[in-house]
Every structure is written in structure tokens, then in C-alpha cells.
N, C-alpha and C. Protein backbone atom coordinates (compact mmCIF):
# COMPACT_ATOMS: atom_id res chain seq x y z
N UNK A 1 110.19 104.37 107.75
CA UNK A 1 108.94 104.54 108.24
C UNK A 1 107.23 104.78 108.17
N UNK A 2 107.04 105.42 107.02
CA UNK A 2 105.89 105.93 107.09
C UNK A 2 104.78 105.01 105.73
N UNK A 3 106.15 103.79 106.07
CA UNK A 3 105.20 102.86 104.50
C UNK A 3 104.52 101.57 105.96
N UNK A 4 105.67 101.28 106.57
CA UNK A 4 104.80 101.24 108.65
C UNK A 4 103.65 101.09 108.11
N UNK A 5 103.82 102.98 108.62
CA UNK A 5 102.50 103.10 109.24
C UNK A 5 101.47 103.56 108.77
N UNK A 6 101.61 103.17 106.90
CA UNK A 6 99.93 103.12 106.52
C UNK A 6 100.04 102.20 106.32
N UNK A 7 100.36 101.32 106.19
CA UNK A 7 99.85 99.47 106.24
C UNK A 7 99.46 99.54 108.03
N UNK A 8 99.89 99.64 108.72
CA UNK A 8 98.60 99.56 109.92
C UNK A 8 97.71 100.29 110.07
N UNK A 9 98.08 101.12 109.63
CA UNK A 9 96.45 102.84 109.07
C UNK A 9 95.55 101.86 108.83
N UNK A 10 96.28 101.13 107.41
CA UNK A 10 95.23 100.69 106.44
C UNK A 10 94.58 99.39 107.22
N UNK A 11 95.37 98.98 107.59
CA UNK A 11 95.46 96.72 108.02
C UNK A 11 93.78 97.63 109.76
N UNK A 12 93.77 98.14 110.07
CA UNK A 12 92.91 98.64 111.26
C UNK A 12 91.52 99.49 110.55
N UNK A 13 91.75 100.35 110.11
CA UNK A 13 91.03 100.89 108.85
C UNK A 13 90.26 100.34 108.46
N UNK A 14 90.77 99.40 107.50
CA UNK A 14 90.69 98.24 106.78
C UNK A 14 89.37 97.19 107.35
N UNK A 15 90.35 96.79 109.01
CA UNK A 15 89.32 96.13 109.71
C UNK A 15 88.04 96.40 109.91
N UNK A 16 87.89 97.85 110.15
CA UNK A 16 86.89 98.46 111.04
C UNK A 16 85.47 99.05 109.81
N UNK A 17 86.53 98.64 108.96
CA UNK A 17 85.13 98.77 107.89
C UNK A 17 84.53 97.42 107.52
N UNK A 18 84.97 96.08 107.55
CA UNK A 18 84.66 95.17 107.07
C UNK A 18 83.72 95.04 108.66
N UNK A 19 84.64 95.58 109.79
CA UNK A 19 83.21 94.47 110.80
C UNK A 19 81.75 96.01 111.22
N UNK A 20 82.10 96.77 109.67
CA UNK A 20 80.47 97.44 109.72
C UNK A 20 80.23 96.48 108.61
N UNK A 21 80.86 96.50 107.36
CA UNK A 21 79.95 95.68 105.98
C UNK A 21 79.07 94.35 107.13
N UNK A 22 79.83 93.45 107.92
CA UNK A 22 79.55 91.93 108.38
C UNK A 22 78.67 92.40 108.71
N UNK A 23 78.15 94.11 109.45
CA UNK A 23 77.18 93.67 110.18
C UNK A 23 75.91 94.33 109.50
N UNK A 24 76.40 95.53 108.67
CA UNK A 24 75.15 95.05 107.56
C UNK A 24 74.85 93.67 107.18
N UNK A 25 75.48 93.01 106.22
CA UNK A 25 75.49 91.70 106.25
C UNK A 25 73.85 90.56 107.19
N UNK A 26 74.13 91.08 108.14
CA UNK A 26 73.96 89.41 108.49
C UNK A 26 72.45 90.45 109.35
N UNK A 27 71.98 91.92 109.16
CA UNK A 27 71.22 92.21 109.68
C UNK A 27 69.87 91.46 108.25
N UNK A 28 68.43 90.81 109.12
CA UNK A 28 68.45 90.06 108.44
C UNK A 28 66.96 90.89 107.59
N UNK A 29 67.03 89.93 106.10
CA UNK A 29 66.13 90.76 104.49
C UNK A 29 65.33 91.34 105.44
N UNK A 30 64.87 91.27 105.70
CA UNK A 30 62.56 91.30 106.72
C UNK A 30 62.62 92.09 107.07
N UNK A 31 63.57 92.27 107.96
CA UNK A 31 63.47 93.51 108.55
C UNK A 31 64.24 94.97 107.56
N UNK A 32 64.79 94.26 107.07
CA UNK A 32 64.78 96.00 105.77
C UNK A 32 64.12 96.29 106.03
N UNK A 33 62.85 95.93 105.72
CA UNK A 33 62.09 97.71 105.70
C UNK A 33 61.13 98.20 106.71
N UNK A 34 61.35 97.79 107.71
CA UNK A 34 60.52 97.69 109.19
C UNK A 34 61.19 97.95 110.37
N UNK A 35 62.85 97.75 109.76
CA UNK A 35 63.68 98.45 111.35
C UNK A 35 64.30 99.17 110.89
N UNK A 36 63.28 100.97 110.76
CA UNK A 36 65.00 101.98 109.30
C UNK A 36 65.97 102.16 110.39
N UNK A 37 65.98 101.94 111.86
CA UNK A 37 66.93 102.46 112.91
C UNK A 37 68.20 101.67 112.79
N UNK A 38 68.17 100.20 112.30
CA UNK A 38 69.18 100.01 111.61
C UNK A 38 69.73 100.59 110.00
N UNK A 39 68.78 101.19 109.33
CA UNK A 39 69.12 101.33 108.12
C UNK A 39 69.46 102.55 107.68
N UNK A 40 69.50 103.45 108.57
CA UNK A 40 69.35 104.99 109.20
C UNK A 40 71.29 105.13 109.23
N UNK A 41 71.32 104.53 110.44
CA UNK A 41 72.96 104.34 110.77
C UNK A 41 73.68 103.24 109.66
N UNK A 42 73.08 102.51 109.70
CA UNK A 42 74.20 101.80 108.37
C UNK A 42 74.63 102.87 106.96
N UNK A 43 73.69 103.72 107.06
CA UNK A 43 73.33 104.69 105.71
C UNK A 43 74.17 106.02 106.35
N UNK A 44 74.52 106.40 107.29
CA UNK A 44 74.69 107.40 107.96
C UNK A 44 76.44 106.92 107.66
N UNK A 45 76.49 106.42 108.65
CA UNK A 45 77.53 105.69 108.34
C UNK A 45 78.39 105.48 107.02
N UNK A 46 77.76 105.23 106.85
CA UNK A 46 78.71 104.95 105.04
C UNK A 46 78.92 105.95 104.52
N UNK A 47 78.16 107.53 104.56
CA UNK A 47 77.60 108.77 104.21
C UNK A 47 78.71 109.01 104.75
N UNK A 48 79.06 109.58 105.62
CA UNK A 48 80.01 109.65 106.65
C UNK A 48 81.65 108.88 106.53
N UNK A 49 81.28 107.87 105.83
CA UNK A 49 82.90 106.66 105.49
C UNK A 49 83.42 107.89 104.13
N UNK A 50 83.04 108.14 103.74
CA UNK A 50 83.19 108.35 101.84
C UNK A 50 83.32 110.51 101.97
N UNK A 51 82.90 110.69 102.91
CA UNK A 51 82.53 112.27 103.50
C UNK A 51 83.58 112.50 103.38
N UNK A 52 84.30 112.56 104.65
CA UNK A 52 85.88 111.87 105.13
C UNK A 52 86.21 111.40 104.83
N UNK A 53 86.53 111.15 103.31
CA UNK A 53 87.55 110.14 103.00
C UNK A 53 88.23 111.25 101.49
N UNK A 54 86.65 112.15 101.36
CA UNK A 54 86.59 113.00 100.26
C UNK A 54 87.74 114.40 100.19
N UNK A 55 88.91 114.67 99.44
CA UNK A 55 89.95 115.47 100.16
C UNK A 55 90.29 116.20 98.53
N UNK A 56 89.40 117.41 98.39
CA UNK A 56 89.75 118.48 100.02
C UNK A 56 88.11 118.07 99.25
N UNK A 57 86.96 118.78 101.27
CA UNK A 57 86.56 117.75 100.94
C UNK A 57 84.42 118.55 100.10
N UNK A 58 85.25 119.22 99.67
CA UNK A 58 84.29 120.27 98.59
C UNK A 58 83.77 118.88 97.80
N UNK A 59 84.67 118.41 97.08
CA UNK A 59 84.53 117.68 95.75
C UNK A 59 83.52 116.54 95.87
N UNK A 60 82.61 116.48 96.93
CA UNK A 60 82.29 114.93 97.56
C UNK A 60 81.38 114.82 96.75
N UNK A 61 80.37 114.23 96.44
CA UNK A 61 79.75 113.95 95.44
C UNK A 61 79.04 111.78 96.00
N UNK A 62 77.68 111.97 97.25
CA UNK A 62 77.54 110.79 97.28
C UNK A 62 76.57 109.73 95.71
N UNK A 63 77.11 109.00 95.73
CA UNK A 63 76.16 107.68 94.97
C UNK A 63 75.07 107.18 94.92
N UNK A 64 74.42 108.33 97.03
CA UNK A 64 73.03 107.88 97.46
C UNK A 64 73.04 108.68 97.78
N UNK A 65 71.62 109.61 96.37
CA UNK A 65 71.20 110.91 97.22
C UNK A 65 70.77 111.03 98.47
N UNK A 66 71.24 112.57 98.99
CA UNK A 66 70.29 111.98 100.19
C UNK A 66 69.64 114.33 99.85
N UNK A 67 69.46 114.33 101.02
CA UNK A 67 68.75 115.78 101.78
C UNK A 67 68.89 115.74 102.75
N UNK A 68 68.79 116.67 103.46
CA UNK A 68 68.37 118.16 103.88
C UNK A 68 67.40 118.85 104.41
N UNK A 69 65.84 118.43 104.70
CA UNK A 69 64.60 118.55 104.72
C UNK A 69 64.05 120.21 105.67
N UNK A 70 63.34 121.21 104.12
CA UNK A 70 64.04 122.20 105.07
C UNK A 70 62.27 121.97 106.07
N UNK A 71 61.95 121.34 105.72
CA UNK A 71 60.31 121.87 107.23
C UNK A 71 61.04 121.04 108.63
N UNK A 72 61.92 120.43 108.32
CA UNK A 72 62.44 120.27 110.33
C UNK A 72 62.09 119.42 110.22
N UNK A 73 60.76 118.02 109.50
CA UNK A 73 60.14 116.87 110.44
C UNK A 73 61.31 116.02 108.82
N UNK A 74 61.84 114.74 110.76
CA UNK A 74 63.12 114.34 110.84
C UNK A 74 62.56 113.00 111.58
N UNK A 75 62.36 111.40 110.43
CA UNK A 75 61.87 110.83 110.58
C UNK A 75 62.82 110.17 112.39
N UNK A 76 61.55 110.14 113.29
CA UNK A 76 62.27 109.68 114.73
C UNK A 76 63.90 108.55 114.21
N UNK A 77 63.76 107.81 113.69
CA UNK A 77 65.04 107.16 113.66
C UNK A 77 66.21 107.17 112.83
N UNK A 78 65.98 108.55 112.49
CA UNK A 78 67.01 109.26 112.15
C UNK A 78 67.81 109.75 112.84
N UNK A 79 68.81 109.42 112.15
CA UNK A 79 70.48 109.22 113.14
C UNK A 79 70.90 110.98 113.16
N UNK A 80 70.62 111.60 111.43
CA UNK A 80 71.29 113.37 112.22
C UNK A 80 69.98 113.45 110.51
N UNK A 81 70.13 114.55 110.49
CA UNK A 81 68.96 115.63 109.73
C UNK A 81 69.60 115.85 107.98
N UNK A 82 70.50 115.38 107.50
CA UNK A 82 70.54 114.25 106.81
C UNK A 82 69.88 112.91 106.36
N UNK A 83 69.04 113.57 105.16
CA UNK A 83 67.96 112.20 104.92
C UNK A 83 68.48 111.83 103.70
N UNK A 84 67.90 110.15 104.29
CA UNK A 84 68.40 108.94 101.88
C UNK A 84 67.40 109.83 101.50
N UNK A 85 66.72 110.41 100.01
CA UNK A 85 66.17 110.10 99.43
C UNK A 85 64.72 108.98 99.04
N UNK A 86 65.36 107.81 99.84
CA UNK A 86 64.61 106.97 99.58
C UNK A 86 65.70 105.74 100.54
N UNK A 87 64.74 104.15 101.11
CA UNK A 87 65.52 104.19 101.84
C UNK A 87 65.65 103.01 100.36
N UNK A 88 68.00 102.53 100.88
CA UNK A 88 68.02 102.06 99.66
C UNK A 88 69.01 100.47 100.44
N UNK A 89 68.30 99.32 99.01
CA UNK A 89 68.59 98.06 99.81
C UNK A 89 69.88 97.79 100.00
N UNK A 90 69.82 96.60 100.98
CA UNK A 90 71.84 96.39 101.21
C UNK A 90 72.20 96.44 100.26
N UNK A 91 71.85 95.48 99.48
CA UNK A 91 72.93 95.74 98.41
C UNK A 91 73.74 96.60 98.04
N UNK A 92 72.92 97.41 98.23
CA UNK A 92 73.25 99.26 97.77
C UNK A 92 74.13 99.42 98.16
N UNK A 93 73.62 99.83 99.13
CA UNK A 93 75.33 99.87 100.76
C UNK A 93 76.34 98.87 100.82
N UNK A 94 75.91 97.70 101.07
CA UNK A 94 77.00 97.70 101.08
C UNK A 94 78.38 97.14 99.11
N UNK A 95 77.27 98.04 98.64
CA UNK A 95 78.42 98.05 97.10
C UNK A 95 78.15 99.62 97.67
N UNK A 96 78.32 100.22 98.29
CA UNK A 96 78.98 102.21 98.47
C UNK A 96 79.73 100.98 99.62
N UNK A 97 79.02 100.84 100.14
CA UNK A 97 80.38 100.28 101.31
C UNK A 97 81.82 99.24 100.32
N UNK A 98 81.53 99.07 100.07
CA UNK A 98 82.84 98.43 99.30
C UNK A 98 83.70 99.40 97.90
N UNK A 99 83.09 100.65 97.77
CA UNK A 99 83.53 101.60 96.78
C UNK A 99 84.24 102.96 97.56
N UNK A 100 83.41 102.58 99.14
CA UNK A 100 84.40 103.52 100.00
C UNK A 100 85.60 102.95 100.25
N UNK A 101 85.75 101.45 101.26
CA UNK A 101 86.58 100.23 100.90
C UNK A 101 87.96 100.95 100.46
N UNK A 102 87.72 100.86 98.89
CA UNK A 102 88.14 101.07 98.38
C UNK A 102 89.07 102.29 98.17
N UNK A 103 87.90 103.50 97.69
CA UNK A 103 89.07 103.98 97.97
C UNK A 103 89.89 104.52 99.37
N UNK A 104 89.53 104.77 100.54
CA UNK A 104 89.87 103.67 101.49
C UNK A 104 91.45 104.14 101.93
N UNK A 105 91.41 102.76 101.15
CA UNK A 105 92.52 101.79 100.90
C UNK A 105 93.65 102.33 100.08
N UNK A 106 93.18 103.18 98.62
CA UNK A 106 94.00 104.28 97.77
C UNK A 106 94.43 105.26 98.45
N UNK A 107 94.11 106.36 99.13
CA UNK A 107 93.83 106.84 99.60
C UNK A 107 95.54 106.77 100.59
N UNK A 108 94.70 105.79 102.14
CA UNK A 108 96.00 105.59 102.68
C UNK A 108 97.22 105.34 101.71
N UNK A 109 97.28 103.89 100.42
CA UNK A 109 98.32 103.81 99.87
C UNK A 109 98.82 104.90 99.71
N UNK A 110 98.23 106.60 98.74
CA UNK A 110 99.07 107.73 97.88
C UNK A 110 99.20 108.44 99.40
N UNK A 111 99.84 108.15 101.24
CA UNK A 111 99.85 109.35 101.59
C UNK A 111 101.41 109.12 101.57
N UNK A 112 101.61 110.08 101.71
CA UNK A 112 102.87 110.92 102.21
C UNK A 112 103.22 111.65 103.40
N UNK A 113 103.90 112.29 103.60
CA UNK A 113 104.68 112.85 105.50
C UNK A 113 103.82 114.42 104.73
N UNK A 114 103.58 114.38 103.23
CA UNK A 114 103.58 115.98 103.65
C UNK A 114 101.78 115.95 103.18
N UNK A 115 101.33 114.51 102.73
CA UNK A 115 99.94 114.75 101.91
C UNK A 115 99.46 114.70 103.73
N UNK A 116 99.54 113.74 104.03
CA UNK A 116 99.34 113.29 105.65
C UNK A 116 98.95 114.71 106.38
N UNK A 117 100.05 116.12 106.60
CA UNK A 117 100.09 117.34 106.99
C UNK A 117 99.06 117.92 106.90
N UNK A 118 98.64 117.69 104.93
CA UNK A 118 97.22 118.76 104.36
C UNK A 118 96.27 119.06 104.99
N UNK A 119 96.24 120.03 105.57
CA UNK A 119 94.24 120.47 105.77
C UNK A 119 93.70 119.94 105.42
N UNK A 120 92.37 119.15 106.44
CA UNK A 120 90.95 118.60 105.52
C UNK A 120 90.16 119.79 106.30
N UNK A 121 89.65 120.56 105.47
CA UNK A 121 88.82 121.25 105.83
C UNK A 121 86.88 122.04 105.59
N UNK A 122 86.31 121.88 106.80
CA UNK A 122 84.88 121.08 106.42
C UNK A 122 84.26 123.21 106.82
N UNK A 123 84.34 123.44 105.47
CA UNK A 123 83.69 124.30 105.40
C UNK A 123 81.45 124.41 105.55
N UNK A 124 81.12 126.00 106.95
CA UNK A 124 80.07 125.03 106.23
C UNK A 124 79.16 125.11 105.78
N UNK A 125 79.07 125.13 104.71
CA UNK A 125 78.71 124.87 103.17
C UNK A 125 78.59 123.23 103.58
N UNK A 126 79.18 122.74 103.62
CA UNK A 126 79.67 121.21 103.03
C UNK A 126 78.63 120.55 104.36
N UNK A 127 78.93 118.76 104.20
CA UNK A 127 77.60 118.32 105.27
C UNK A 127 77.43 118.38 106.30
N UNK A 128 78.73 117.99 106.99
CA UNK A 128 78.73 118.38 108.16
C UNK A 128 78.93 119.49 108.79
N UNK A 129 77.96 120.17 108.21
CA UNK A 129 77.72 121.42 107.78
C UNK A 129 77.62 122.06 109.86
N UNK A 130 77.41 121.32 110.32
CA UNK A 130 77.00 121.73 112.52
C UNK A 130 77.91 123.26 113.17
N UNK A 131 79.30 121.75 112.66
CA UNK A 131 80.57 122.32 113.00
C UNK A 131 81.46 122.28 112.04
N UNK A 132 82.60 123.43 111.79
CA UNK A 132 83.86 124.00 110.46
C UNK A 132 84.79 122.75 111.70
N UNK A 133 85.31 122.20 111.14
CA UNK A 133 86.44 121.40 111.47
C UNK A 133 87.37 120.96 110.64
N UNK A 134 88.51 121.25 111.53
CA UNK A 134 90.17 122.00 110.17
C UNK A 134 91.57 121.30 111.13
N UNK A 135 90.87 119.72 110.58
CA UNK A 135 92.00 118.64 110.37
C UNK A 135 93.53 118.39 109.59
N UNK A 136 95.10 118.21 110.52
CA UNK A 136 95.34 117.05 108.96
C UNK A 136 94.98 116.00 108.36
N UNK A 137 95.17 115.66 107.59
CA UNK A 137 94.90 114.77 106.38
C UNK A 137 94.12 112.49 107.99
N UNK A 138 95.38 113.47 108.12
CA UNK A 138 96.00 111.92 109.24
C UNK A 138 95.29 111.52 110.38
N UNK A 139 94.53 113.49 110.58
CA UNK A 139 93.76 113.26 111.96
C UNK A 139 92.68 112.57 111.48
N UNK A 140 92.00 113.24 110.04
CA UNK A 140 90.23 113.04 109.88
C UNK A 140 91.00 111.49 109.27
N UNK A 141 91.73 110.43 109.28
CA UNK A 141 91.67 109.68 108.73
C UNK A 141 91.42 108.23 110.01
N UNK A 142 91.76 109.44 111.22
CA UNK A 142 91.65 108.63 112.64
C UNK A 142 90.36 108.51 113.01
N UNK A 143 90.17 110.20 112.90
CA UNK A 143 88.81 110.80 114.07
C UNK A 143 87.09 109.75 112.29
N UNK A 144 87.92 109.20 111.63
CA UNK A 144 86.99 107.82 110.60
C UNK A 144 86.69 107.18 110.94
N UNK A 145 87.19 106.51 111.75
CA UNK A 145 87.98 105.38 111.59
C UNK A 145 87.17 105.51 112.50
N UNK A 146 87.26 105.88 113.83
CA UNK A 146 86.74 106.42 115.70
C UNK A 146 85.48 106.03 114.88
N UNK A 147 84.86 105.96 113.80
CA UNK A 147 82.89 106.57 113.47
C UNK A 147 82.46 105.60 113.51
N UNK A 148 83.29 104.52 112.60
CA UNK A 148 83.25 103.85 111.91
C UNK A 148 82.29 102.88 112.88
N UNK A 149 83.91 102.61 113.50
CA UNK A 149 83.84 101.57 114.30
C UNK A 149 82.75 102.11 115.75
N UNK A 150 82.33 103.08 115.58
CA UNK A 150 80.71 103.46 116.85
C UNK A 150 80.09 103.50 116.56
N UNK A 151 79.86 103.09 115.37
CA UNK A 151 78.16 103.04 114.41
C UNK A 151 78.22 101.70 114.45
N UNK A 152 79.49 100.93 114.29
CA UNK A 152 79.92 99.58 113.58
C UNK A 152 78.78 98.57 114.87
N UNK A 153 79.88 99.11 116.70
CA UNK A 153 79.82 98.62 118.15
C UNK A 153 78.32 98.72 117.59
N UNK A 154 77.08 99.69 117.80
CA UNK A 154 75.81 100.72 117.64
C UNK A 154 75.13 99.19 117.24
N UNK A 155 75.62 99.03 115.47
CA UNK A 155 75.06 97.84 114.72
C UNK A 155 74.97 97.00 115.32
N UNK A 156 76.22 96.79 116.00
CA UNK A 156 75.85 95.10 116.93
C UNK A 156 75.19 95.01 117.89
N UNK A 157 75.04 95.87 118.81
CA UNK A 157 74.24 96.12 119.52
C UNK A 157 72.57 95.98 119.24
N UNK A 158 72.24 95.82 117.94
CA UNK A 158 70.59 96.12 117.48
C UNK A 158 71.19 94.89 116.66
N UNK A 159 71.58 94.56 116.57
CA UNK A 159 71.77 92.86 116.24
C UNK A 159 71.47 91.67 117.47
N UNK A 160 72.29 91.57 118.44
CA UNK A 160 72.27 91.36 119.51
C UNK A 160 70.63 91.41 120.15
N UNK A 161 69.86 93.04 120.41
CA UNK A 161 68.51 92.40 120.17
C UNK A 161 67.55 92.38 119.60
N UNK A 162 67.25 92.33 117.89
CA UNK A 162 67.06 91.70 117.76
C UNK A 162 67.06 89.74 116.95
N UNK A 163 68.25 89.86 116.87
CA UNK A 163 68.58 88.51 116.43
C UNK A 163 69.38 87.66 117.56
N UNK A 164 69.57 88.36 118.38
CA UNK A 164 70.85 87.45 119.74
C UNK A 164 71.92 86.61 118.59
N UNK A 165 72.26 87.65 117.58
CA UNK A 165 73.74 87.30 117.33
C UNK A 165 74.53 88.55 116.27
N UNK A 166 75.54 88.61 116.07
CA UNK A 166 76.53 90.16 115.64
C UNK A 166 78.00 88.87 115.59
N UNK A 167 78.24 89.70 114.73
CA UNK A 167 79.81 89.58 113.83
C UNK A 167 80.56 89.16 114.88
N UNK A 168 81.31 88.63 114.27
CA UNK A 168 82.52 88.06 115.68
C UNK A 168 83.69 89.41 114.70
N UNK A 169 84.43 89.79 115.29
CA UNK A 169 85.88 91.16 115.99
C UNK A 169 86.69 90.54 114.81
N UNK A 170 87.79 92.03 114.21
CA UNK A 170 87.59 91.75 112.93
C UNK A 170 88.79 92.00 113.59
N UNK A 171 90.33 91.53 113.91
CA UNK A 171 91.86 91.55 114.08
C UNK A 171 91.64 93.43 113.19
N UNK A 172 92.45 92.84 111.91
CA UNK A 172 93.12 93.43 110.47
C UNK A 172 92.25 93.31 108.53
N UNK A 173 93.18 94.26 108.46
CA UNK A 173 92.32 93.98 107.10
C UNK A 173 92.16 92.67 106.45
N UNK A 174 92.03 91.75 105.71
CA UNK A 174 92.78 90.51 105.57
C UNK A 174 93.87 90.87 103.83
N UNK A 175 93.58 91.96 103.55
CA UNK A 175 95.14 92.59 103.22
C UNK A 175 95.66 94.07 103.22
N UNK A 176 96.74 93.32 102.27
CA UNK A 176 97.33 94.93 103.02
C UNK A 176 97.52 95.46 101.25
N UNK A 177 98.17 96.98 102.17
CA UNK A 177 98.93 97.74 101.26
C UNK A 177 99.73 97.32 99.98
């Protein structure tokens, strides 16, 4: 039973990550430095994809550094109060997406019943400090998948508004566990 659960979880989570990647790929290069909303949303989604895959979360370290501004000056287009140290290139975001995709697949492959029931606890001094989250590893995976799909949908809306196009639906990840 657990192997079927892991396979289904990966196929759907992988598809969500693929949809995010397809949206980032479709965004016009000429608008990368001019429309910060798309960048911030993409970066935010990738940062938290990686963070929620970090077990325990205190071990999280992003390859694309960020800060929390002390002045409270948050750009209008920012998604939250975590800000990238600079505007990262599309290639940097896509590389981050691929490394997080591999991290996700490896985590799902390694799941056992015991590991699925471990607690994923976000302490107040961690990245997502707005509230303490205490979820099972299985539930944080579902939460994370929903977060990725939520932002992939938002990015598709921005693509429709800007270029009247958006990537198609991805039903399943292309490869199995």
C-alpha cells in the first residue's frame, strides 16, 4: 500500500512542480527585469517549496539567499516580507526548481510509515515565522503541493494577462518513483 501511495503522491507533486516550471519558462525574457510581480511570486514559491521539503526545517538553507528587511520597506510587488538579495535570473530559478524537484522526489521515495508520521515543526525563528506549524511529514507534503499549485495558477493568470498564453495542464509527473 505504501508504494502505491508514494507513487501517486510523487506523480501529482511532480506534476505541480512541472506546471510551475512551465509557467516560469513561458514568461518572456524581455519582461523578466520589468515585471517584478512574476519574479517575486516565482521566487517565493520556490523558496517555500524547498523550505517545506527540509526535514527538520531548522536545517533549511536556500541557494538563493534572502533577507528580511529591518526597515519594513517591502516592495509593492513582493509576495511577503522575505526578499531575495537580488533579482535572480530565470536560469537561476529554473535550476533551483530542478534541485527542489529532485529533493522532493528523493523525500517521497524515502518515505516509510514511520517517516510519514514524523512531525515537521516550524519554530518561530524559522523562515515562515508568522505562525508555528506542527504537521506530519505526510501533511506538510500535501500542504507544500497545494502551495506550489496555488502559485502556479497565479503565474498562469499573469501570463494570460501579459501575453495571452499559458502552459497546459500537467496530469502527472513524467517519471515514476
